[in-house]
Amino acid sequence: DPRRALDAAQRKLLAELAAVTADEPGQRAAAEGQPQVTDVPGTFEVGYELEGNEAYPAARKLIEIGSPDSMFKTRRWVVAPLAR
């Protein structure tokens, strides 16, 4: 199921982002409140991802990450391979 694969890939991406930013100044207080994560409408796709000279089936979607009370948000692609 592409959506389940994307959910697992999204959890992994968010964990990696949290680990990278955990040691930055001011992030300890920010880590207590989870950032709001929303799917960007119309960006869910199932197709192929290219890696070098090879292509493999994958699903992807764009997510927006940010605090609900902040005007600054970041967007990240979540990509989940469906077969390799």
Protein backbone atom coordinates (compact mmCIF):
# COMPACT_ATOMS: atom_id res chain seq x y z
CA ASP A 1 0.00 0.00 0.00
CA PRO A 2 1.65 3.29 -1.08
CA ARG A 3 0.09 5.35 1.73
CA ARG A 4 1.38 3.00 4.44
CA ALA A 5 4.85 3.11 2.91
CA LEU A 6 4.70 6.92 2.85
CA ASP A 7 3.59 7.05 6.50
CA ALA A 8 6.61 4.94 7.51
CA ALA A 9 8.94 7.09 5.39
CA GLN A 10 7.45 10.25 6.92
CA ARG A 11 8.04 8.97 10.48
CA LYS A 12 11.65 8.17 9.54
CA LEU A 13 12.19 11.61 7.97
CA LEU A 14 10.77 13.42 11.01
CA ALA A 15 12.96 11.34 13.37
CA GLU A 16 16.05 12.18 11.29
CA LEU A 17 15.18 15.90 11.29
CA ALA A 18 14.62 15.83 15.06
CA ALA A 19 17.99 14.11 15.61
CA VAL A 20 19.85 16.62 13.43
CA THR A 21 18.33 19.68 15.10
CA ALA A 22 18.36 18.33 18.70
CA ASP A 23 21.77 19.85 19.51
CA GLU A 24 21.06 23.29 18.05
CA PRO A 25 20.63 26.16 20.54
CA GLY A 26 17.03 26.75 21.58
CA GLN A 27 15.82 23.41 20.26
CA ARG A 28 15.36 21.76 23.67
CA ALA A 29 12.31 23.90 24.43
CA ALA A 30 11.04 23.52 20.88
CA ALA A 31 11.39 19.73 21.08
CA GLU A 32 8.78 19.60 23.86
CA GLY A 33 6.06 20.80 21.47
CA GLN A 34 5.72 18.68 18.34
CA PRO A 35 5.74 20.60 15.07
CA GLN A 36 2.60 20.51 13.00
CA VAL A 37 2.95 18.33 9.92
CA THR A 38 0.42 18.59 7.10
CA ASP A 39 0.24 17.07 3.65
CA VAL A 40 0.29 19.58 0.81
CA PRO A 41 -2.89 18.92 -1.19
CA GLY A 42 -2.47 17.52 -4.69
CA THR A 43 1.11 16.29 -4.26
CA PHE A 44 0.53 12.54 -3.69
CA GLU A 45 1.98 10.62 -6.65
CA VAL A 46 2.84 7.04 -7.52
CA GLY A 47 5.41 6.71 -10.26
CA TYR A 48 9.11 6.11 -10.66
CA GLU A 49 12.15 7.51 -8.88
CA LEU A 50 15.42 7.70 -10.77
CA GLU A 51 18.68 6.71 -9.16
CA GLY A 52 21.63 6.85 -11.52
CA ASN A 53 20.69 4.82 -14.58
CA GLU A 54 17.94 2.87 -12.80
CA ALA A 55 14.30 3.57 -12.07
CA TYR A 56 12.14 1.97 -9.40
CA PRO A 57 8.45 2.29 -8.46
CA ALA A 58 7.89 4.77 -5.64
CA ALA A 59 5.26 6.91 -3.99
CA ARG A 60 5.85 10.49 -2.90
CA LYS A 61 4.12 13.44 -1.33
CA LEU A 62 5.05 16.90 -0.14
CA ILE A 63 4.67 17.74 3.55
CA GLU A 64 4.78 21.07 5.33
CA ILE A 65 6.45 21.22 8.75
CA GLY A 66 6.14 24.09 11.18
CA SER A 67 4.76 25.40 14.40
CA PRO A 68 1.05 26.26 14.24
CA ASP A 69 1.73 29.78 15.56
CA SER A 70 4.73 30.49 13.31
CA MET A 71 4.70 32.05 9.87
CA PHE A 72 7.85 30.09 8.94
CA LYS A 73 7.33 26.59 7.61
CA THR A 74 9.46 24.21 5.59
CA ARG A 75 8.40 21.78 2.89
CA ARG A 76 9.99 18.37 2.38
CA TRP A 77 9.36 15.58 -0.09
CA VAL A 78 8.65 12.19 1.44
CA VAL A 79 9.59 9.36 -0.92
CA ALA A 80 8.86 5.67 -0.29
CA PRO A 81 10.17 2.96 -2.59
CA LEU A 82 7.48 0.41 -3.44
CA ALA A 83 9.82 -2.19 -4.92
CA ARG A 84 13.53 -2.52 -5.57
